[in-house]
PDB file of N, CA and C in Angstrom:
ATOM      1  N   UNK A   1      88.727  71.039  91.606  1.00  0.00           N
ATOM      2  CA  UNK A   1      89.805  70.834  92.662  1.00  0.00           C
ATOM      3  C   UNK A   1      90.905  71.826  92.520  1.00  0.00           C
ATOM      4  N   UNK A   2      91.296  72.336  93.544  1.00  0.00           N
ATOM      5  CA  UNK A   2      92.438  73.203  93.692  1.00  0.00           C
ATOM      6  C   UNK A   2      93.506  72.663  94.559  1.00  0.00           C
ATOM      7  N   UNK A   3      94.683  73.115  94.259  1.00  0.00           N
ATOM      8  CA  UNK A   3      95.937  72.590  95.161  1.00  0.00           C
ATOM      9  C   UNK A   3      96.348  73.894  95.956  1.00  0.00           C
ATOM     10  N   UNK A   4      96.669  73.657  97.023  1.00  0.00           N
ATOM     11  CA  UNK A   4      97.159  74.906  97.999  1.00  0.00           C
ATOM     12  C   UNK A   4      98.390  74.503  98.859  1.00  0.00           C
ATOM     13  N   UNK A   5      99.072  75.416  99.253  1.00  0.00           N
ATOM     14  CA  UNK A   5     100.129  75.357 100.283  1.00  0.00           C
ATOM     15  C   UNK A   5      99.397  76.010 101.348  1.00  0.00           C
ATOM     16  N   UNK A   6      99.303  75.382 102.578  1.00  0.00           N
ATOM     17  CA  UNK A   6      98.826  76.021 103.710  1.00  0.00           C
ATOM     18  C   UNK A   6      99.763  76.201 104.823  1.00  0.00           C
ATOM     19  N   UNK A   7     100.483  77.347 105.308  1.00  0.00           N
ATOM     20  CA  UNK A   7     101.490  77.444 106.189  1.00  0.00           C
ATOM     21  C   UNK A   7     100.829  77.727 107.238  1.00  0.00           C
ATOM     22  N   UNK A   8     101.132  76.805 108.425  1.00  0.00           N
ATOM     23  CA  UNK A   8     100.397  76.668 109.761  1.00  0.00           C
ATOM     24  C   UNK A   8     101.930  76.964 110.816  1.00  0.00           C
ATOM     25  N   UNK A   9     101.250  76.845 112.008  1.00  0.00           N
ATOM     26  CA  UNK A   9     102.119  77.051 113.008  1.00  0.00           C
ATOM     27  C   UNK A   9     103.192  76.055 113.129  1.00  0.00           C
ATOM     28  N   UNK A  10     102.829  74.716 112.495  1.00  0.00           N
ATOM     29  CA  UNK A  10     104.020  73.692 112.725  1.00  0.00           C
ATOM     30  C   UNK A  10     104.745  73.353 111.248  1.00  0.00           C
ATOM     31  N   UNK A  11     104.342  74.345 110.359  1.00  0.00           N
ATOM     32  CA  UNK A  11     104.957  74.337 108.861  1.00  0.00           C
ATOM     33  C   UNK A  11     103.973  73.933 107.715  1.00  0.00           C
ATOM     34  N   UNK A  12     104.387  74.039 106.703  1.00  0.00           N
ATOM     35  CA  UNK A  12     103.520  73.951 105.384  1.00  0.00           C
ATOM     36  C   UNK A  12     102.968  72.694 105.161  1.00  0.00           C
ATOM     37  N   UNK A  13     101.818  72.589 104.692  1.00  0.00           N
ATOM     38  CA  UNK A  13     101.248  71.230 104.112  1.00  0.00           C
ATOM     39  C   UNK A  13     100.587  71.511 102.818  1.00  0.00           C
ATOM     40  N   UNK A  14     100.571  70.545 102.146  1.00  0.00           N
ATOM     41  CA  UNK A  14     100.046  70.685 100.643  1.00  0.00           C
ATOM     42  C   UNK A  14      98.536  69.882 100.858  1.00  0.00           C
ATOM     43  N   UNK A  15      97.489  70.710 100.328  1.00  0.00           N
ATOM     44  CA  UNK A  15      96.315  70.208 100.131  1.00  0.00           C
ATOM     45  C   UNK A  15      95.620  70.191  98.859  1.00  0.00           C
ATOM     46  N   UNK A  16      94.574  69.530  98.746  1.00  0.00           N
ATOM     47  CA  UNK A  16      93.742  69.456  97.595  1.00  0.00           C
ATOM     48  C   UNK A  16      92.317  69.669  98.140  1.00  0.00           C
ATOM     49  N   UNK A  17      91.521  70.830  97.401  1.00  0.00           N
ATOM     50  CA  UNK A  17      90.358  70.852  97.722  1.00  0.00           C
ATOM     51  C   UNK A  17      89.135  71.188  96.783  1.00  0.00           C
ATOM     52  N   UNK A  18      87.776  71.095  97.036  1.00  0.00           N
ATOM     53  CA  UNK A  18      87.158  71.457  96.190  1.00  0.00           C
ATOM     54  C   UNK A  18      86.288  72.763  96.557  1.00  0.00           C
ATOM     55  N   UNK A  19      86.642  73.435  97.528  1.00  0.00           N
ATOM     56  CA  UNK A  19      86.280  74.787  97.933  1.00  0.00           C
ATOM     57  C   UNK A  19      86.513  75.737  96.645  1.00  0.00           C
ATOM     58  N   UNK A  20      85.697  76.612  96.452  1.00  0.00           N
ATOM     59  CA  UNK A  20      85.979  77.497  95.399  1.00  0.00           C
ATOM     60  C   UNK A  20      87.102  78.758  95.857  1.00  0.00           C
ATOM     61  N   UNK A  21      86.730  78.895  97.192  1.00  0.00           N
ATOM     62  CA  UNK A  21      88.075  79.888  97.877  1.00  0.00           C
ATOM     63  C   UNK A  21      88.510  79.514  99.162  1.00  0.00           C
ATOM     64  N   UNK A  22      89.662  79.880  99.513  1.00  0.00           N
ATOM     65  CA  UNK A  22      90.618  79.740 100.621  1.00  0.00           C
ATOM     66  C   UNK A  22      89.784  80.381 101.953  1.00  0.00           C
ATOM     67  N   UNK A  23      88.780  81.385 101.368  1.00  0.00           N
ATOM     68  CA  UNK A  23      88.264  82.205 102.499  1.00  0.00           C
ATOM     69  C   UNK A  23      86.762  81.677 102.808  1.00  0.00           C
ATOM     70  N   UNK A  24      86.420  80.681 102.100  1.00  0.00           N
ATOM     71  CA  UNK A  24      85.092  79.906 102.435  1.00  0.00           C
ATOM     72  C   UNK A  24      84.916  79.464 103.777  1.00  0.00           C
ATOM     73  N   UNK A  25      83.818  80.050 104.470  1.00  0.00           N
ATOM     74  CA  UNK A  25      83.847  79.657 105.862  1.00  0.00           C
ATOM     75  C   UNK A  25      83.739  78.262 106.151  1.00  0.00           C
ATOM     76  N   UNK A  26      83.330  77.337 105.249  1.00  0.00           N
ATOM     77  CA  UNK A  26      83.228  75.995 105.461  1.00  0.00           C
ATOM     78  C   UNK A  26      84.576  75.417 105.405  1.00  0.00           C
ATOM     79  N   UNK A  27      85.475  75.841 104.480  1.00  0.00           N
ATOM     80  CA  UNK A  27      86.819  75.479 104.286  1.00  0.00           C
ATOM     81  C   UNK A  27      87.563  75.887 105.600  1.00  0.00           C
ATOM     82  N   UNK A  28      87.339  77.080 106.103  1.00  0.00           N
ATOM     83  CA  UNK A  28      88.061  77.487 107.216  1.00  0.00           C
ATOM     84  C   UNK A  28      87.570  76.409 108.449  1.00  0.00           C
ATOM     85  N   UNK A  29      86.179  76.192 108.337  1.00  0.00           N
ATOM     86  CA  UNK A  29      85.691  75.546 109.353  1.00  0.00           C
ATOM     87  C   UNK A  29      86.523  74.038 109.328  1.00  0.00           C
ATOM     88  N   UNK A  30      86.650  73.477 108.242  1.00  0.00           N
ATOM     89  CA  UNK A  30      87.089  72.224 108.077  1.00  0.00           C
ATOM     90  C   UNK A  30      88.650  72.196 108.394  1.00  0.00           C
ATOM     91  N   UNK A  31      89.521  73.349 108.092  1.00  0.00           N
ATOM     92  CA  UNK A  31      90.843  73.513 108.838  1.00  0.00           C
ATOM     93  C   UNK A  31      90.758  73.577 110.384  1.00  0.00           C
ATOM     94  N   UNK A  32      89.806  74.287 110.949  1.00  0.00           N
ATOM     95  CA  UNK A  32      89.642  74.423 112.003  1.00  0.00           C
ATOM     96  C   UNK A  32      89.531  72.948 112.942  1.00  0.00           C
ATOM     97  N   UNK A  33      88.885  72.142 112.288  1.00  0.00           N
ATOM     98  CA  UNK A  33      88.596  70.818 112.809  1.00  0.00           C
ATOM     99  C   UNK A  33      89.967  70.058 112.931  1.00  0.00           C
ATOM    100  N   UNK A  34      90.786  70.253 111.817  1.00  0.00           N
ATOM    101  CA  UNK A  34      92.227  69.686 111.957  1.00  0.00           C
ATOM    102  C   UNK A  34      93.056  70.324 112.773  1.00  0.00           C
ATOM    103  N   UNK A  35      92.587  71.434 113.547  1.00  0.00           N
ATOM    104  CA  UNK A  35      93.567  72.060 114.630  1.00  0.00           C
ATOM    105  C   UNK A  35      94.359  73.377 113.842  1.00  0.00           C
ATOM    106  N   UNK A  36      93.809  73.717 112.692  1.00  0.00           N
ATOM    107  CA  UNK A  36      94.372  74.938 111.931  1.00  0.00           C
ATOM    108  C   UNK A  36      93.464  75.880 112.115  1.00  0.00           C
ATOM    109  N   UNK A  37      93.934  76.802 112.910  1.00  0.00           N
ATOM    110  CA  UNK A  37      93.140  77.957 113.369  1.00  0.00           C
ATOM    111  C   UNK A  37      93.477  79.375 112.706  1.00  0.00           C
ATOM    112  N   UNK A  38      94.683  79.314 112.401  1.00  0.00           N
ATOM    113  CA  UNK A  38      95.537  80.580 111.686  1.00  0.00           C
ATOM    114  C   UNK A  38      96.302  80.081 110.530  1.00  0.00           C
ATOM    115  N   UNK A  39      96.202  80.766 109.456  1.00  0.00           N
ATOM    116  CA  UNK A  39      97.101  80.199 108.318  1.00  0.00           C
ATOM    117  C   UNK A  39      97.365  81.106 107.263  1.00  0.00           C
ATOM    118  N   UNK A  40      98.217  80.908 106.427  1.00  0.00           N
ATOM    119  CA  UNK A  40      98.307  81.464 105.193  1.00  0.00           C
ATOM    120  C   UNK A  40      98.412  80.628 104.057  1.00  0.00           C
ATOM    121  N   UNK A  41      97.480  80.729 103.266  1.00  0.00           N
ATOM    122  CA  UNK A  41      97.074  79.842 101.932  1.00  0.00           C
ATOM    123  C   UNK A  41      97.568  80.429 100.699  1.00  0.00           C
ATOM    124  N   UNK A  42      98.296  79.456  99.928  1.00  0.00           N
ATOM    125  CA  UNK A  42      98.753  80.029  98.599  1.00  0.00           C
ATOM    126  C   UNK A  42      98.399  79.013  97.616  1.00  0.00           C
ATOM    127  N   UNK A  43      97.539  79.475  96.682  1.00  0.00           N
ATOM    128  CA  UNK A  43      97.116  78.360  95.667  1.00  0.00           C
ATOM    129  C   UNK A  43      98.147  77.834  94.707  1.00  0.00           C
ATOM    130  N   UNK A  44      97.901  76.668  94.318  1.00  0.00           N
ATOM    131  CA  UNK A  44      98.887  76.135  93.295  1.00  0.00           C
ATOM    132  C   UNK A  44      98.257  75.786  91.853  1.00  0.00           C
ATOM    133  N   UNK A  45      98.937  75.868  90.875  1.00  0.00           N
ATOM    134  CA  UNK A  45      98.401  75.109  89.604  1.00  0.00           C
ATOM    135  C   UNK A  45      98.438  73.858  89.914  1.00  0.00           C
ATOM    136  N   UNK A  46      97.157  73.119  89.556  1.00  0.00           N
ATOM    137  CA  UNK A  46      96.767  71.612  90.009  1.00  0.00           C
ATOM    138  C   UNK A  46      97.721  70.869  88.923  1.00  0.00           C
ATOM    139  N   UNK A  47      97.868  71.428  87.815  1.00  0.00           N
ATOM    140  CA  UNK A  47      98.715  70.551  86.949  1.00  0.00           C
ATOM    141  C   UNK A  47     100.143  70.499  87.416  1.00  0.00           C
ATOM    142  N   UNK A  48     100.761  71.415  88.026  1.00  0.00           N
ATOM    143  CA  UNK A  48     102.138  71.578  88.579  1.00  0.00           C
ATOM    144  C   UNK A  48     102.174  70.534  89.682  1.00  0.00           C
ATOM    145  N   UNK A  49     101.028  70.514  90.621  1.00  0.00           N
ATOM    146  CA  UNK A  49     100.920  69.500  91.640  1.00  0.00           C
ATOM    147  C   UNK A  49     101.013  68.249  91.224  1.00  0.00           C
ATOM    148  N   UNK A  50     100.085  68.043  90.190  1.00  0.00           N
ATOM    149  CA  UNK A  50     100.158  66.509  89.761  1.00  0.00           C
ATOM    150  C   UNK A  50     101.527  65.785  89.040  1.00  0.00           C
ATOM    151  N   UNK A  51     102.096  66.935  88.329  1.00  0.00           N
ATOM    152  CA  UNK A  51     103.458  66.591  87.805  1.00  0.00           C
ATOM    153  C   UNK A  51     104.389  66.310  88.922  1.00  0.00           C
ATOM    154  N   UNK A  52     104.225  67.041  90.083  1.00  0.00           N
ATOM    155  CA  UNK A  52     105.414  66.812  91.039  1.00  0.00           C
ATOM    156  C   UNK A  52     105.085  65.328  92.030  1.00  0.00           C
ATOM    157  N   UNK A  53     103.845  65.152  92.043  1.00  0.00           N
ATOM    158  CA  UNK A  53     103.298  64.145  92.904  1.00  0.00           C
ATOM    159  C   UNK A  53     102.995  62.837  92.137  1.00  0.00           C
ATOM    160  N   UNK A  54     102.840  62.943  90.887  1.00  0.00           N
ATOM    161  CA  UNK A  54     102.723  61.781  90.142  1.00  0.00           C
ATOM    162  C   UNK A  54     101.708  60.789  90.754  1.00  0.00           C
ATOM    163  N   UNK A  55     102.125  59.417  90.681  1.00  0.00           N
ATOM    164  CA  UNK A  55     101.045  58.548  91.111  1.00  0.00           C
ATOM    165  C   UNK A  55     100.804  58.724  92.649  1.00  0.00           C
ATOM    166  N   UNK A  56     101.469  59.134  93.403  1.00  0.00           N
ATOM    167  CA  UNK A  56     101.108  59.594  94.813  1.00  0.00           C
ATOM    168  C   UNK A  56      99.889  60.372  94.797  1.00  0.00           C
ATOM    169  N   UNK A  57      99.697  61.405  93.881  1.00  0.00           N
ATOM    170  CA  UNK A  57      98.610  62.429  93.651  1.00  0.00           C
ATOM    171  C   UNK A  57      97.403  61.515  93.344  1.00  0.00           C
ATOM    172  N   UNK A  58      97.425  60.469  92.224  1.00  0.00           N
ATOM    173  CA  UNK A  58      96.650  59.623  91.951  1.00  0.00           C
ATOM    174  C   UNK A  58      95.831  58.900  93.045  1.00  0.00           C
ATOM    175  N   UNK A  59      96.785  58.127  93.770  1.00  0.00           N
ATOM    176  CA  UNK A  59      96.459  57.330  94.990  1.00  0.00           C
ATOM    177  C   UNK A  59      95.712  58.146  96.058  1.00  0.00           C
ATOM    178  N   UNK A  60      96.076  59.377  96.164  1.00  0.00           N
ATOM    179  CA  UNK A  60      95.421  60.457  97.345  1.00  0.00           C
ATOM    180  C   UNK A  60      93.955  60.468  96.704  1.00  0.00           C
ATOM    181  N   UNK A  61      93.677  60.875  95.625  1.00  0.00           N
ATOM    182  CA  UNK A  61      92.565  61.004  94.705  1.00  0.00           C
ATOM    183  C   UNK A  61      91.688  59.800  94.858  1.00  0.00           C
ATOM    184  N   UNK A  62      92.101  58.782  94.856  1.00  0.00           N
ATOM    185  CA  UNK A  62      91.393  57.497  94.726  1.00  0.00           C
ATOM    186  C   UNK A  62      91.292  56.699  96.133  1.00  0.00           C
ATOM    187  N   UNK A  63      91.650  57.358  97.184  1.00  0.00           N
ATOM    188  CA  UNK A  63      91.404  56.848  98.614  1.00  0.00           C
ATOM    189  C   UNK A  63      89.990  57.159  99.010  1.00  0.00           C
ATOM    190  N   UNK A  64      89.204  56.119  99.256  1.00  0.00           N
ATOM    191  CA  UNK A  64      87.951  56.140  99.632  1.00  0.00           C
ATOM    192  C   UNK A  64      87.837  56.466 100.945  1.00  0.00           C
ATOM    193  N   UNK A  65      89.032  56.450 101.935  1.00  0.00           N
ATOM    194  CA  UNK A  65      88.748  56.889 103.408  1.00  0.00           C
ATOM    195  C   UNK A  65      88.666  58.637 103.423  1.00  0.00           C
ATOM    196  N   UNK A  66      88.910  59.125 102.481  1.00  0.00           N
ATOM    197  CA  UNK A  66      89.072  60.782 102.532  1.00  0.00           C
ATOM    198  C   UNK A  66      87.728  61.160 101.869  1.00  0.00           C
ATOM    199  N   UNK A  67      87.357  62.509 102.440  1.00  0.00           N
ATOM    200  CA  UNK A  67      86.299  63.197 101.796  1.00  0.00           C
ATOM    201  C   UNK A  67      86.912  63.854 100.657  1.00  0.00           C
ATOM    202  N   UNK A  68      85.912  64.304  99.814  1.00  0.00           N
ATOM    203  CA  UNK A  68      86.164  64.971  98.436  1.00  0.00           C
ATOM    204  C   UNK A  68      86.506  66.515  98.922  1.00  0.00           C
ATOM    205  N   UNK A  69      85.948  67.120  99.673  1.00  0.00           N
ATOM    206  CA  UNK A  69      86.342  68.644  99.920  1.00  0.00           C
ATOM    207  C   UNK A  69      87.587  68.909 100.499  1.00  0.00           C
ATOM    208  N   UNK A  70      88.439  68.180 101.101  1.00  0.00           N
ATOM    209  CA  UNK A  70      89.444  68.680 101.639  1.00  0.00           C
ATOM    210  C   UNK A  70      90.580  67.301 101.847  1.00  0.00           C
ATOM    211  N   UNK A  71      91.672  67.201 101.417  1.00  0.00           N
ATOM    212  CA  UNK A  71      92.658  66.051 101.240  1.00  0.00           C
ATOM    213  C   UNK A  71      93.993  66.489 101.564  1.00  0.00           C
ATOM    214  N   UNK A  72      94.623  66.043 102.321  1.00  0.00           N
ATOM    215  CA  UNK A  72      96.093  66.359 102.586  1.00  0.00           C
ATOM    216  C   UNK A  72      96.804  65.434 101.855  1.00  0.00           C
ATOM    217  N   UNK A  73      97.877  66.228 100.765  1.00  0.00           N
ATOM    218  CA  UNK A  73      98.356  65.407  99.921  1.00  0.00           C
ATOM    219  C   UNK A  73     100.010  65.147 100.434  1.00  0.00           C
ATOM    220  N   UNK A  74     100.431  66.283 101.217  1.00  0.00           N
ATOM    221  CA  UNK A  74     101.696  65.864 101.746  1.00  0.00           C
ATOM    222  C   UNK A  74     101.871  67.165 103.077  1.00  0.00           C
ATOM    223  N   UNK A  75     102.089  66.350 104.262  1.00  0.00           N
ATOM    224  CA  UNK A  75     102.300  67.075 105.368  1.00  0.00           C
ATOM    225  C   UNK A  75     103.652  67.160 105.834  1.00  0.00           C
ATOM    226  N   UNK A  76     104.587  66.784 105.220  1.00  0.00           N
ATOM    227  CA  UNK A  76     106.258  66.998 105.563  1.00  0.00           C
ATOM    228  C   UNK A  76     106.333  68.303 105.022  1.00  0.00           C
ATOM    229  N   UNK A  77     106.589  69.056 105.874  1.00  0.00           N
ATOM    230  CA  UNK A  77     106.902  70.643 105.821  1.00  0.00           C
ATOM    231  C   UNK A  77     108.002  71.011 104.972  1.00  0.00           C
ATOM    232  N   UNK A  78     109.202  70.124 104.950  1.00  0.00           N
ATOM    233  CA  UNK A  78     110.283  70.176 104.088  1.00  0.00           C
ATOM    234  C   UNK A  78     110.077  69.945 102.826  1.00  0.00           C
ATOM    235  N   UNK A  79     109.445  68.961 102.570  1.00  0.00           N
ATOM    236  CA  UNK A  79     109.029  68.442 101.079  1.00  0.00           C
ATOM    237  C   UNK A  79     108.391  69.308 100.466  1.00  0.00           C
ATOM    238  N   UNK A  80     107.052  69.796 101.170  1.00  0.00           N
ATOM    239  CA  UNK A  80     106.275  70.772 100.578  1.00  0.00           C
ATOM    240  C   UNK A  80     106.957  72.262 100.114  1.00  0.00           C
ATOM    241  N   UNK A  81     107.672  72.621 101.011  1.00  0.00           N
ATOM    242  CA  UNK A  81     108.503  73.834 100.851  1.00  0.00           C
ATOM    243  C   UNK A  81     109.339  73.890  99.798  1.00  0.00           C
ATOM    244  N   UNK A  82     110.381  72.955  99.609  1.00  0.00           N
ATOM    245  CA  UNK A  82     111.235  72.676  98.716  1.00  0.00           C
ATOM    246  C   UNK A  82     110.591  72.221  97.359  1.00  0.00           C
ATOM    247  N   UNK A  83     109.501  71.590  97.292  1.00  0.00           N
ATOM    248  CA  UNK A  83     109.043  70.936  95.886  1.00  0.00           C
ATOM    249  C   UNK A  83     108.304  72.174  95.069  1.00  0.00           C
ATOM    250  N   UNK A  84     108.120  73.517  95.745  1.00  0.00           N
ATOM    251  CA  UNK A  84     107.562  74.279  94.923  1.00  0.00           C
ATOM    252  C   UNK A  84     108.391  75.659  94.970  1.00  0.00           C
ATOM    253  N   UNK A  85     108.493  76.271  93.881  1.00  0.00           N
ATOM    254  CA  UNK A  85     109.386  77.570  93.759  1.00  0.00           C
ATOM    255  C   UNK A  85     108.247  78.746  94.002  1.00  0.00           C
ATOM    256  N   UNK A  86     108.798  79.734  94.303  1.00  0.00           N
ATOM    257  CA  UNK A  86     107.948  81.023  94.784  1.00  0.00           C
ATOM    258  C   UNK A  86     107.159  81.394  93.602  1.00  0.00           C
ATOM    259  N   UNK A  87     107.699  81.067  92.344  1.00  0.00           N
ATOM    260  CA  UNK A  87     107.002  81.417  91.218  1.00  0.00           C
ATOM    261  C   UNK A  87     105.822  80.453  91.065  1.00  0.00           C
ATOM    262  N   UNK A  88     105.800  79.329  91.583  1.00  0.00           N
ATOM    263  CA  UNK A  88     104.687  78.529  91.625  1.00  0.00           C
ATOM    264  C   UNK A  88     103.497  78.781  92.360  1.00  0.00           C
ATOM    265  N   UNK A  89     103.728  79.563  93.409  1.00  0.00           N
ATOM    266  CA  UNK A  89     102.314  79.702  94.413  1.00  0.00           C
ATOM    267  C   UNK A  89     101.757  81.205  94.066  1.00  0.00           C
ATOM    268  N   UNK A  90     100.548  80.968  94.423  1.00  0.00           N
ATOM    269  CA  UNK A  90      99.775  82.085  94.046  1.00  0.00           C
ATOM    270  C   UNK A  90      99.664  83.106  95.238  1.00  0.00           C
ATOM    271  N   UNK A  91      99.130  84.438  95.185  1.00  0.00           N
ATOM    272  CA  UNK A  91      99.121  85.148  96.077  1.00  0.00           C
ATOM    273  C   UNK A  91      98.635  84.826  97.580  1.00  0.00           C
ATOM    274  N   UNK A  92      99.320  85.096  98.570  1.00  0.00           N
ATOM    275  CA  UNK A  92      99.042  84.617  99.786  1.00  0.00           C
ATOM    276  C   UNK A  92      97.466  85.069 100.389  1.00  0.00           C
ATOM    277  N   UNK A  93      96.778  84.313 100.969  1.00  0.00           N
ATOM    278  CA  UNK A  93      95.637  84.639 101.626  1.00  0.00           C
ATOM    279  C   UNK A  93      95.866  84.383 103.302  1.00  0.00           C
ATOM    280  N   UNK A  94      95.963  85.396 103.955  1.00  0.00           N
ATOM    281  CA  UNK A  94      95.997  85.484 105.282  1.00  0.00           C
ATOM    282  C   UNK A  94      94.853  85.228 106.163  1.00  0.00           C
ATOM    283  N   UNK A  95      94.620  84.404 107.186  1.00  0.00           N
ATOM    284  CA  UNK A  95      93.486  84.078 107.886  1.00  0.00           C
ATOM    285  C   UNK A  95      93.862  83.942 109.432  1.00  0.00           C
ATOM    286  N   UNK A  96      93.125  84.700 110.183  1.00  0.00           N
ATOM    287  CA  UNK A  96      93.234  84.414 111.581  1.00  0.00           C
ATOM    288  C   UNK A  96      91.895  84.675 112.079  1.00  0.00           C
ATOM    289  N   UNK A  97      91.280  84.094 113.236  1.00  0.00           N
ATOM    290  CA  UNK A  97      90.179  84.220 113.883  1.00  0.00           C
ATOM    291  C   UNK A  97      89.971  85.644 114.751  1.00  0.00           C
TER     292      UNK A  97
END
């Protein structure tokens, strides 16, 4: 499982995914199905995400309504942006079709 901030046209979201790479064509297709066709992705240390989101992280992981390959943990852009330091995020990956 990986955590990542995805910067989109409407602001950042925090996702959890089982995809090995943010450049995986199936990952990109999954984001496109959610209306995200152009993005900047920055991976996060999963332990940092778990610490910051605590019980909410666990409830999202146990939500049977969601699929295992991509889960949105936080879609409040303000919360996502200010919950993590720039030192917490990995090297950005840019994607546009």
